[in-house]
Amino acid sequence: SALFMALVKNGILLQNPVVNAIKPRI
């Protein structure tokens, strides 16, 4: 997610695909 957030912040992508993914429950 940190990688995709950096991509969004630098205008390379419009959204972070990890945000809407289903994550493992801890």
mmCIF file of all heavy atoms, coordinates in Angstrom:
data_MODEL
# 
_entry.id   MODEL 
# 
loop_
_atom_site.group_PDB 
_atom_site.id 
_atom_site.type_symbol 
_atom_site.label_atom_id 
_atom_site.label_alt_id 
_atom_site.label_comp_id 
_atom_site.label_asym_id 
_atom_site.label_entity_id 
_atom_site.label_seq_id 
_atom_site.pdbx_PDB_ins_code 
_atom_site.Cartn_x 
_atom_site.Cartn_y 
_atom_site.Cartn_z 
_atom_site.occupancy 
_atom_site.B_iso_or_equiv 
_atom_site.pdbx_formal_charge 
_atom_site.auth_seq_id 
_atom_site.auth_comp_id 
_atom_site.auth_asym_id 
_atom_site.auth_atom_id 
_atom_site.pdbx_PDB_model_num 
ATOM 1   N N   . SER A 1 1  ? 0.818   -1.203  0.000   1.00 0.00 ? 1  SER A N   1 
ATOM 2   C CA  . SER A 1 1  ? 0.000   0.000   0.000   1.00 0.00 ? 1  SER A CA  1 
ATOM 3   C C   . SER A 1 1  ? 0.857   1.261   0.000   1.00 0.00 ? 1  SER A C   1 
ATOM 4   O O   . SER A 1 1  ? 0.516   2.252   -0.657  1.00 0.00 ? 1  SER A O   1 
ATOM 5   C CB  . SER A 1 1  ? -0.925  -0.001  1.225   1.00 0.00 ? 1  SER A CB  1 
ATOM 6   O OG  . SER A 1 1  ? -1.770  1.131   1.223   1.00 0.00 ? 1  SER A OG  1 
ATOM 7   N N   . ALA A 1 2  ? 1.984   1.226   0.720   1.00 0.00 ? 2  ALA A N   1 
ATOM 8   C CA  . ALA A 1 2  ? 2.886   2.388   0.755   1.00 0.00 ? 2  ALA A CA  1 
ATOM 9   C C   . ALA A 1 2  ? 3.411   2.701   -0.646  1.00 0.00 ? 2  ALA A C   1 
ATOM 10  O O   . ALA A 1 2  ? 3.541   3.874   -1.032  1.00 0.00 ? 2  ALA A O   1 
ATOM 11  C CB  . ALA A 1 2  ? 4.036   2.123   1.711   1.00 0.00 ? 2  ALA A CB  1 
ATOM 12  N N   . LEU A 1 3  ? 3.701   1.663   -1.427  1.00 0.00 ? 3  LEU A N   1 
ATOM 13  C CA  . LEU A 1 3  ? 4.169   1.869   -2.801  1.00 0.00 ? 3  LEU A CA  1 
ATOM 14  C C   . LEU A 1 3  ? 3.089   2.562   -3.634  1.00 0.00 ? 3  LEU A C   1 
ATOM 15  O O   . LEU A 1 3  ? 3.350   3.562   -4.315  1.00 0.00 ? 3  LEU A O   1 
ATOM 16  C CB  . LEU A 1 3  ? 4.552   0.529   -3.425  1.00 0.00 ? 3  LEU A CB  1 
ATOM 17  C CG  . LEU A 1 3  ? 5.086   0.567   -4.864  1.00 0.00 ? 3  LEU A CG  1 
ATOM 18  C CD1 . LEU A 1 3  ? 6.081   -0.556  -5.094  1.00 0.00 ? 3  LEU A CD1 1 
ATOM 19  C CD2 . LEU A 1 3  ? 3.961   0.449   -5.898  1.00 0.00 ? 3  LEU A CD2 1 
ATOM 20  N N   . PHE A 1 4  ? 1.858   2.046   -3.572  1.00 0.00 ? 4  PHE A N   1 
ATOM 21  C CA  . PHE A 1 4  ? 0.790   2.625   -4.392  1.00 0.00 ? 4  PHE A CA  1 
ATOM 22  C C   . PHE A 1 4  ? 0.399   4.023   -3.902  1.00 0.00 ? 4  PHE A C   1 
ATOM 23  O O   . PHE A 1 4  ? 0.014   4.878   -4.702  1.00 0.00 ? 4  PHE A O   1 
ATOM 24  C CB  . PHE A 1 4  ? -0.422  1.698   -4.407  1.00 0.00 ? 4  PHE A CB  1 
ATOM 25  C CG  . PHE A 1 4  ? -0.273  0.546   -5.354  1.00 0.00 ? 4  PHE A CG  1 
ATOM 26  C CD1 . PHE A 1 4  ? -0.066  -0.746  -4.902  1.00 0.00 ? 4  PHE A CD1 1 
ATOM 27  C CD2 . PHE A 1 4  ? -0.320  0.757   -6.731  1.00 0.00 ? 4  PHE A CD2 1 
ATOM 28  C CE1 . PHE A 1 4  ? 0.079   -1.803  -5.781  1.00 0.00 ? 4  PHE A CE1 1 
ATOM 29  C CE2 . PHE A 1 4  ? -0.171  -0.293  -7.623  1.00 0.00 ? 4  PHE A CE2 1 
ATOM 30  C CZ  . PHE A 1 4  ? 0.031   -1.568  -7.154  1.00 0.00 ? 4  PHE A CZ  1 
ATOM 31  N N   . MET A 1 5  ? 0.505   4.271   -2.606  1.00 0.00 ? 5  MET A N   1 
ATOM 32  C CA  . MET A 1 5  ? 0.241   5.609   -2.099  1.00 0.00 ? 5  MET A CA  1 
ATOM 33  C C   . MET A 1 5  ? 1.248   6.611   -2.660  1.00 0.00 ? 5  MET A C   1 
ATOM 34  O O   . MET A 1 5  ? 0.896   7.750   -2.997  1.00 0.00 ? 5  MET A O   1 
ATOM 35  C CB  . MET A 1 5  ? 0.293   5.613   -0.568  1.00 0.00 ? 5  MET A CB  1 
ATOM 36  C CG  . MET A 1 5  ? -0.922  4.983   0.102   1.00 0.00 ? 5  MET A CG  1 
ATOM 37  S SD  . MET A 1 5  ? -0.732  4.833   1.898   1.00 0.00 ? 5  MET A SD  1 
ATOM 38  C CE  . MET A 1 5  ? -0.606  6.558   2.354   1.00 0.00 ? 5  MET A CE  1 
ATOM 39  N N   . ALA A 1 6  ? 2.504   6.177   -2.769  1.00 0.00 ? 6  ALA A N   1 
ATOM 40  C CA  . ALA A 1 6  ? 3.533   7.042   -3.353  1.00 0.00 ? 6  ALA A CA  1 
ATOM 41  C C   . ALA A 1 6  ? 3.244   7.300   -4.828  1.00 0.00 ? 6  ALA A C   1 
ATOM 42  O O   . ALA A 1 6  ? 3.456   8.419   -5.329  1.00 0.00 ? 6  ALA A O   1 
ATOM 43  C CB  . ALA A 1 6  ? 4.907   6.402   -3.182  1.00 0.00 ? 6  ALA A CB  1 
ATOM 44  N N   . LEU A 1 7  ? 2.747   6.287   -5.534  1.00 0.00 ? 7  LEU A N   1 
ATOM 45  C CA  . LEU A 1 7  ? 2.400   6.453   -6.951  1.00 0.00 ? 7  LEU A CA  1 
ATOM 46  C C   . LEU A 1 7  ? 1.252   7.443   -7.113  1.00 0.00 ? 7  LEU A C   1 
ATOM 47  O O   . LEU A 1 7  ? 1.254   8.280   -8.022  1.00 0.00 ? 7  LEU A O   1 
ATOM 48  C CB  . LEU A 1 7  ? 2.019   5.098   -7.559  1.00 0.00 ? 7  LEU A CB  1 
ATOM 49  C CG  . LEU A 1 7  ? 3.157   4.070   -7.693  1.00 0.00 ? 7  LEU A CG  1 
ATOM 50  C CD1 . LEU A 1 7  ? 2.593   2.709   -8.085  1.00 0.00 ? 7  LEU A CD1 1 
ATOM 51  C CD2 . LEU A 1 7  ? 4.184   4.522   -8.721  1.00 0.00 ? 7  LEU A CD2 1 
ATOM 52  N N   . VAL A 1 8  ? 0.250   7.358   -6.220  1.00 0.00 ? 8  VAL A N   1 
ATOM 53  C CA  . VAL A 1 8  ? -0.876  8.292   -6.279  1.00 0.00 ? 8  VAL A CA  1 
ATOM 54  C C   . VAL A 1 8  ? -0.412  9.703   -5.944  1.00 0.00 ? 8  VAL A C   1 
ATOM 55  O O   . VAL A 1 8  ? -0.781  10.680  -6.610  1.00 0.00 ? 8  VAL A O   1 
ATOM 56  C CB  . VAL A 1 8  ? -1.993  7.840   -5.313  1.00 0.00 ? 8  VAL A CB  1 
ATOM 57  C CG1 . VAL A 1 8  ? -3.086  8.902   -5.223  1.00 0.00 ? 8  VAL A CG1 1 
ATOM 58  C CG2 . VAL A 1 8  ? -2.589  6.503   -5.762  1.00 0.00 ? 8  VAL A CG2 1 
ATOM 59  N N   . LYS A 1 9  ? 0.419   9.818   -4.920  1.00 0.00 ? 9  LYS A N   1 
ATOM 60  C CA  . LYS A 1 9  ? 0.902   11.128  -4.487  1.00 0.00 ? 9  LYS A CA  1 
ATOM 61  C C   . LYS A 1 9  ? 1.694   11.825  -5.590  1.00 0.00 ? 9  LYS A C   1 
ATOM 62  O O   . LYS A 1 9  ? 1.649   13.059  -5.713  1.00 0.00 ? 9  LYS A O   1 
ATOM 63  C CB  . LYS A 1 9  ? 1.771   10.950  -3.243  1.00 0.00 ? 9  LYS A CB  1 
ATOM 64  C CG  . LYS A 1 9  ? 2.272   12.247  -2.648  1.00 0.00 ? 9  LYS A CG  1 
ATOM 65  C CD  . LYS A 1 9  ? 3.081   11.977  -1.385  1.00 0.00 ? 9  LYS A CD  1 
ATOM 66  C CE  . LYS A 1 9  ? 3.601   13.281  -0.797  1.00 0.00 ? 9  LYS A CE  1 
ATOM 67  N NZ  . LYS A 1 9  ? 4.412   13.028  0.442   1.00 0.00 ? 9  LYS A NZ  1 
ATOM 68  N N   . ASN A 1 10 ? 2.414   11.056  -6.404  1.00 0.00 ? 10 ASN A N   1 
ATOM 69  C CA  . ASN A 1 10 ? 3.224   11.628  -7.475  1.00 0.00 ? 10 ASN A CA  1 
ATOM 70  C C   . ASN A 1 10 ? 2.464   11.742  -8.795  1.00 0.00 ? 10 ASN A C   1 
ATOM 71  O O   . ASN A 1 10 ? 3.059   12.021  -9.833  1.00 0.00 ? 10 ASN A O   1 
ATOM 72  C CB  . ASN A 1 10 ? 4.497   10.792  -7.673  1.00 0.00 ? 10 ASN A CB  1 
ATOM 73  C CG  . ASN A 1 10 ? 5.531   11.046  -6.591  1.00 0.00 ? 10 ASN A CG  1 
ATOM 74  O OD1 . ASN A 1 10 ? 6.370   11.922  -6.704  1.00 0.00 ? 10 ASN A OD1 1 
ATOM 75  N ND2 . ASN A 1 10 ? 5.463   10.266  -5.521  1.00 0.00 ? 10 ASN A ND2 1 
ATOM 76  N N   . GLY A 1 11 ? 1.142   11.494  -8.773  1.00 0.00 ? 11 GLY A N   1 
ATOM 77  C CA  . GLY A 1 11 ? 0.323   11.681  -9.956  1.00 0.00 ? 11 GLY A CA  1 
ATOM 78  C C   . GLY A 1 11 ? 0.475   10.614  -11.016 1.00 0.00 ? 11 GLY A C   1 
ATOM 79  O O   . GLY A 1 11 ? 0.071   10.807  -12.165 1.00 0.00 ? 11 GLY A O   1 
ATOM 80  N N   . ILE A 1 12 ? 1.044   9.467   -10.646 1.00 0.00 ? 12 ILE A N   1 
ATOM 81  C CA  . ILE A 1 12 ? 1.255   8.395   -11.625 1.00 0.00 ? 12 ILE A CA  1 
ATOM 82  C C   . ILE A 1 12 ? -0.003  7.527   -11.730 1.00 0.00 ? 12 ILE A C   1 
ATOM 83  O O   . ILE A 1 12 ? -0.363  7.063   -12.804 1.00 0.00 ? 12 ILE A O   1 
ATOM 84  C CB  . ILE A 1 12 ? 2.482   7.557   -11.220 1.00 0.00 ? 12 ILE A CB  1 
ATOM 85  C CG1 . ILE A 1 12 ? 3.733   8.437   -11.243 1.00 0.00 ? 12 ILE A CG1 1 
ATOM 86  C CG2 . ILE A 1 12 ? 2.665   6.364   -12.148 1.00 0.00 ? 12 ILE A CG2 1 
ATOM 87  C CD1 . ILE A 1 12 ? 4.920   7.861   -10.523 1.00 0.00 ? 12 ILE A CD1 1 
ATOM 88  N N   . LEU A 1 13 ? -0.689  7.322   -10.618 1.00 0.00 ? 13 LEU A N   1 
ATOM 89  C CA  . LEU A 1 13 ? -1.957  6.594   -10.599 1.00 0.00 ? 13 LEU A CA  1 
ATOM 90  C C   . LEU A 1 13 ? -3.023  7.462   -9.935  1.00 0.00 ? 13 LEU A C   1 
ATOM 91  O O   . LEU A 1 13 ? -2.705  8.362   -9.144  1.00 0.00 ? 13 LEU A O   1 
ATOM 92  C CB  . LEU A 1 13 ? -1.817  5.278   -9.827  1.00 0.00 ? 13 LEU A CB  1 
ATOM 93  C CG  . LEU A 1 13 ? -0.959  4.170   -10.453 1.00 0.00 ? 13 LEU A CG  1 
ATOM 94  C CD1 . LEU A 1 13 ? -0.908  2.972   -9.515  1.00 0.00 ? 13 LEU A CD1 1 
ATOM 95  C CD2 . LEU A 1 13 ? -1.471  3.759   -11.816 1.00 0.00 ? 13 LEU A CD2 1 
ATOM 96  N N   . LEU A 1 14 ? -4.276  7.168   -10.242 1.00 0.00 ? 14 LEU A N   1 
ATOM 97  C CA  . LEU A 1 14 ? -5.375  7.940   -9.668  1.00 0.00 ? 14 LEU A CA  1 
ATOM 98  C C   . LEU A 1 14 ? -5.835  7.378   -8.334  1.00 0.00 ? 14 LEU A C   1 
ATOM 99  O O   . LEU A 1 14 ? -6.358  8.102   -7.489  1.00 0.00 ? 14 LEU A O   1 
ATOM 100 C CB  . LEU A 1 14 ? -6.563  7.979   -10.647 1.00 0.00 ? 14 LEU A CB  1 
ATOM 101 C CG  . LEU A 1 14 ? -6.306  8.718   -11.966 1.00 0.00 ? 14 LEU A CG  1 
ATOM 102 C CD1 . LEU A 1 14 ? -7.545  8.631   -12.855 1.00 0.00 ? 14 LEU A CD1 1 
ATOM 103 C CD2 . LEU A 1 14 ? -5.937  10.183  -11.699 1.00 0.00 ? 14 LEU A CD2 1 
ATOM 104 N N   . GLN A 1 15 ? -5.662  6.045   -8.119  1.00 0.00 ? 15 GLN A N   1 
ATOM 105 C CA  . GLN A 1 15 ? -6.115  5.462   -6.860  1.00 0.00 ? 15 GLN A CA  1 
ATOM 106 C C   . GLN A 1 15 ? -5.224  4.288   -6.460  1.00 0.00 ? 15 GLN A C   1 
ATOM 107 O O   . GLN A 1 15 ? -4.524  3.701   -7.287  1.00 0.00 ? 15 GLN A O   1 
ATOM 108 C CB  . GLN A 1 15 ? -7.568  4.995   -6.970  1.00 0.00 ? 15 GLN A CB  1 
ATOM 109 C CG  . GLN A 1 15 ? -7.810  3.947   -8.035  1.00 0.00 ? 15 GLN A CG  1 
ATOM 110 C CD  . GLN A 1 15 ? -9.278  3.550   -8.119  1.00 0.00 ? 15 GLN A CD  1 
ATOM 111 O OE1 . GLN A 1 15 ? -10.113 4.084   -7.397  1.00 0.00 ? 15 GLN A OE1 1 
ATOM 112 N NE2 . GLN A 1 15 ? -9.600  2.611   -8.988  1.00 0.00 ? 15 GLN A NE2 1 
ATOM 113 N N   . ASN A 1 16 ? -5.284  3.980   -5.189  1.00 0.00 ? 16 ASN A N   1 
ATOM 114 C CA  . ASN A 1 16 ? -4.501  2.888   -4.606  1.00 0.00 ? 16 ASN A CA  1 
ATOM 115 C C   . ASN A 1 16 ? -5.358  1.621   -4.591  1.00 0.00 ? 16 ASN A C   1 
ATOM 116 O O   . ASN A 1 16 ? -6.344  1.547   -3.856  1.00 0.00 ? 16 ASN A O   1 
ATOM 117 C CB  . ASN A 1 16 ? -4.080  3.289   -3.190  1.00 0.00 ? 16 ASN A CB  1 
ATOM 118 C CG  . ASN A 1 16 ? -3.327  2.185   -2.462  1.00 0.00 ? 16 ASN A CG  1 
ATOM 119 O OD1 . ASN A 1 16 ? -3.129  1.101   -2.982  1.00 0.00 ? 16 ASN A OD1 1 
ATOM 120 N ND2 . ASN A 1 16 ? -2.910  2.488   -1.245  1.00 0.00 ? 16 ASN A ND2 1 
ATOM 121 N N   . PRO A 1 17 ? -5.014  0.592   -5.390  1.00 0.00 ? 17 PRO A N   1 
ATOM 122 C CA  . PRO A 1 17 ? -5.846  -0.624  -5.451  1.00 0.00 ? 17 PRO A CA  1 
ATOM 123 C C   . PRO A 1 17 ? -5.858  -1.421  -4.155  1.00 0.00 ? 17 PRO A C   1 
ATOM 124 O O   . PRO A 1 17 ? -6.739  -2.261  -3.961  1.00 0.00 ? 17 PRO A O   1 
ATOM 125 C CB  . PRO A 1 17 ? -5.206  -1.427  -6.596  1.00 0.00 ? 17 PRO A CB  1 
ATOM 126 C CG  . PRO A 1 17 ? -3.806  -0.939  -6.668  1.00 0.00 ? 17 PRO A CG  1 
ATOM 127 C CD  . PRO A 1 17 ? -3.849  0.508   -6.288  1.00 0.00 ? 17 PRO A CD  1 
ATOM 128 N N   . VAL A 1 18 ? -4.908  -1.168  -3.265  1.00 0.00 ? 18 VAL A N   1 
ATOM 129 C CA  . VAL A 1 18 ? -4.872  -1.933  -2.011  1.00 0.00 ? 18 VAL A CA  1 
ATOM 130 C C   . VAL A 1 18 ? -5.991  -1.490  -1.075  1.00 0.00 ? 18 VAL A C   1 
ATOM 131 O O   . VAL A 1 18 ? -6.483  -2.270  -0.262  1.00 0.00 ? 18 VAL A O   1 
ATOM 132 C CB  . VAL A 1 18 ? -3.492  -1.764  -1.328  1.00 0.00 ? 18 VAL A CB  1 
ATOM 133 C CG1 . VAL A 1 18 ? -3.424  -2.567  -0.032  1.00 0.00 ? 18 VAL A CG1 1 
ATOM 134 C CG2 . VAL A 1 18 ? -2.367  -2.198  -2.271  1.00 0.00 ? 18 VAL A CG2 1 
ATOM 135 N N   . VAL A 1 19 ? -6.425  -0.223  -1.203  1.00 0.00 ? 19 VAL A N   1 
ATOM 136 C CA  . VAL A 1 19 ? -7.434  0.328   -0.298  1.00 0.00 ? 19 VAL A CA  1 
ATOM 137 C C   . VAL A 1 19 ? -8.722  -0.484  -0.348  1.00 0.00 ? 19 VAL A C   1 
ATOM 138 O O   . VAL A 1 19 ? -9.322  -0.800  0.694   1.00 0.00 ? 19 VAL A O   1 
ATOM 139 C CB  . VAL A 1 19 ? -7.730  1.807   -0.648  1.00 0.00 ? 19 VAL A CB  1 
ATOM 140 C CG1 . VAL A 1 19 ? -8.923  2.317   0.148   1.00 0.00 ? 19 VAL A CG1 1 
ATOM 141 C CG2 . VAL A 1 19 ? -6.503  2.663   -0.379  1.00 0.00 ? 19 VAL A CG2 1 
ATOM 142 N N   . ASN A 1 20 ? -9.175  -0.864  -1.548  1.00 0.00 ? 20 ASN A N   1 
ATOM 143 C CA  . ASN A 1 20 ? -10.444 -1.584  -1.698  1.00 0.00 ? 20 ASN A CA  1 
ATOM 144 C C   . ASN A 1 20 ? -10.275 -3.091  -1.759  1.00 0.00 ? 20 ASN A C   1 
ATOM 145 O O   . ASN A 1 20 ? -11.256 -3.817  -1.976  1.00 0.00 ? 20 ASN A O   1 
ATOM 146 C CB  . ASN A 1 20 ? -11.169 -1.092  -2.959  1.00 0.00 ? 20 ASN A CB  1 
ATOM 147 C CG  . ASN A 1 20 ? -11.597 0.357   -2.846  1.00 0.00 ? 20 ASN A CG  1 
ATOM 148 O OD1 . ASN A 1 20 ? -12.046 0.795   -1.792  1.00 0.00 ? 20 ASN A OD1 1 
ATOM 149 N ND2 . ASN A 1 20 ? -11.432 1.116   -3.927  1.00 0.00 ? 20 ASN A ND2 1 
ATOM 150 N N   . ALA A 1 21 ? -9.041  -3.588  -1.581  1.00 0.00 ? 21 ALA A N   1 
ATOM 151 C CA  . ALA A 1 21 ? -8.835  -5.042  -1.561  1.00 0.00 ? 21 ALA A CA  1 
ATOM 152 C C   . ALA A 1 21 ? -9.245  -5.589  -0.192  1.00 0.00 ? 21 ALA A C   1 
ATOM 153 O O   . ALA A 1 21 ? -9.262  -4.870  0.812   1.00 0.00 ? 21 ALA A O   1 
ATOM 154 C CB  . ALA A 1 21 ? -7.367  -5.356  -1.830  1.00 0.00 ? 21 ALA A CB  1 
ATOM 155 N N   . ILE A 1 22 ? -9.588  -6.886  -0.153  1.00 0.00 ? 22 ILE A N   1 
ATOM 156 C CA  . ILE A 1 22 ? -9.951  -7.539  1.111   1.00 0.00 ? 22 ILE A CA  1 
ATOM 157 C C   . ILE A 1 22 ? -8.660  -7.995  1.780   1.00 0.00 ? 22 ILE A C   1 
ATOM 158 O O   . ILE A 1 22 ? -7.893  -8.768  1.206   1.00 0.00 ? 22 ILE A O   1 
ATOM 159 C CB  . ILE A 1 22 ? -10.881 -8.732  0.863   1.00 0.00 ? 22 ILE A CB  1 
ATOM 160 C CG1 . ILE A 1 22 ? -12.176 -8.258  0.189   1.00 0.00 ? 22 ILE A CG1 1 
ATOM 161 C CG2 . ILE A 1 22 ? -11.203 -9.449  2.174   1.00 0.00 ? 22 ILE A CG2 1 
ATOM 162 C CD1 . ILE A 1 22 ? -13.104 -9.388  -0.218  1.00 0.00 ? 22 ILE A CD1 1 
ATOM 163 N N   . LYS A 1 23 ? -8.452  -7.516  2.981   1.00 0.00 ? 23 LYS A N   1 
ATOM 164 C CA  . LYS A 1 23 ? -7.202  -7.793  3.685   1.00 0.00 ? 23 LYS A CA  1 
ATOM 165 C C   . LYS A 1 23 ? -7.394  -8.889  4.712   1.00 0.00 ? 23 LYS A C   1 
ATOM 166 O O   . LYS A 1 23 ? -8.509  -9.105  5.196   1.00 0.00 ? 23 LYS A O   1 
ATOM 167 C CB  . LYS A 1 23 ? -6.684  -6.513  4.344   1.00 0.00 ? 23 LYS A CB  1 
ATOM 168 C CG  . LYS A 1 23 ? -6.398  -5.409  3.319   1.00 0.00 ? 23 LYS A CG  1 
ATOM 169 C CD  . LYS A 1 23 ? -6.601  -4.046  3.938   1.00 0.00 ? 23 LYS A CD  1 
ATOM 170 C CE  . LYS A 1 23 ? -6.487  -2.978  2.866   1.00 0.00 ? 23 LYS A CE  1 
ATOM 171 N NZ  . LYS A 1 23 ? -7.764  -2.721  2.196   1.00 0.00 ? 23 LYS A NZ  1 
ATOM 172 N N   . PRO A 1 24 ? -6.319  -9.587  5.072   1.00 0.00 ? 24 PRO A N   1 
ATOM 173 C CA  . PRO A 1 24 ? -6.441  -10.671 6.070   1.00 0.00 ? 24 PRO A CA  1 
ATOM 174 C C   . PRO A 1 24 ? -6.843  -10.120 7.421   1.00 0.00 ? 24 PRO A C   1 
ATOM 175 O O   . PRO A 1 24 ? -6.390  -9.046  7.834   1.00 0.00 ? 24 PRO A O   1 
ATOM 176 C CB  . PRO A 1 24 ? -5.023  -11.267 6.121   1.00 0.00 ? 24 PRO A CB  1 
ATOM 177 C CG  . PRO A 1 24 ? -4.132  -10.191 5.603   1.00 0.00 ? 24 PRO A CG  1 
ATOM 178 C CD  . PRO A 1 24 ? -4.938  -9.447  4.590   1.00 0.00 ? 24 PRO A CD  1 
ATOM 179 N N   . ARG A 1 25 ? -7.711  -10.841 8.081   1.00 0.00 ? 25 ARG A N   1 
ATOM 180 C CA  . ARG A 1 25 ? -8.179  -10.408 9.394   1.00 0.00 ? 25 ARG A CA  1 
ATOM 181 C C   . ARG A 1 25 ? -7.208  -10.904 10.454  1.00 0.00 ? 25 ARG A C   1 
ATOM 182 O O   . ARG A 1 25 ? -6.834  -12.074 10.483  1.00 0.00 ? 25 ARG A O   1 
ATOM 183 C CB  . ARG A 1 25 ? -9.575  -10.960 9.667   1.00 0.00 ? 25 ARG A CB  1 
ATOM 184 C CG  . ARG A 1 25 ? -10.139 -10.533 11.007  1.00 0.00 ? 25 ARG A CG  1 
ATOM 185 C CD  . ARG A 1 25 ? -11.532 -11.089 11.213  1.00 0.00 ? 25 ARG A CD  1 
ATOM 186 N NE  . ARG A 1 25 ? -12.056 -10.719 12.524  1.00 0.00 ? 25 ARG A NE  1 
ATOM 187 C CZ  . ARG A 1 25 ? -13.229 -11.096 12.979  1.00 0.00 ? 25 ARG A CZ  1 
ATOM 188 N NH1 . ARG A 1 25 ? -14.012 -11.859 12.239  1.00 0.00 ? 25 ARG A NH1 1 
ATOM 189 N NH2 . ARG A 1 25 ? -13.636 -10.711 14.174  1.00 0.00 ? 25 ARG A NH2 1 
ATOM 190 N N   . ILE A 1 26 ? -6.815  -9.987  11.309  1.00 0.00 ? 26 ILE A N   1 
ATOM 191 C CA  . ILE A 1 26 ? -5.902  -10.339 12.390  1.00 0.00 ? 26 ILE A CA  1 
ATOM 192 C C   . ILE A 1 26 ? -6.672  -10.285 13.700  1.00 0.00 ? 26 ILE A C   1 
ATOM 193 O O   . ILE A 1 26 ? -7.259  -9.266  14.046  1.00 0.00 ? 26 ILE A O   1 
ATOM 194 C CB  . ILE A 1 26 ? -4.709  -9.360  12.451  1.00 0.00 ? 26 ILE A CB  1 
ATOM 195 C CG1 . ILE A 1 26 ? -3.985  -9.341  11.097  1.00 0.00 ? 26 ILE A CG1 1 
ATOM 196 C CG2 . ILE A 1 26 ? -3.751  -9.742  13.558  1.00 0.00 ? 26 ILE A CG2 1 
ATOM 197 C CD1 . ILE A 1 26 ? -2.861  -8.346  11.038  1.00 0.00 ? 26 ILE A CD1 1 
# 
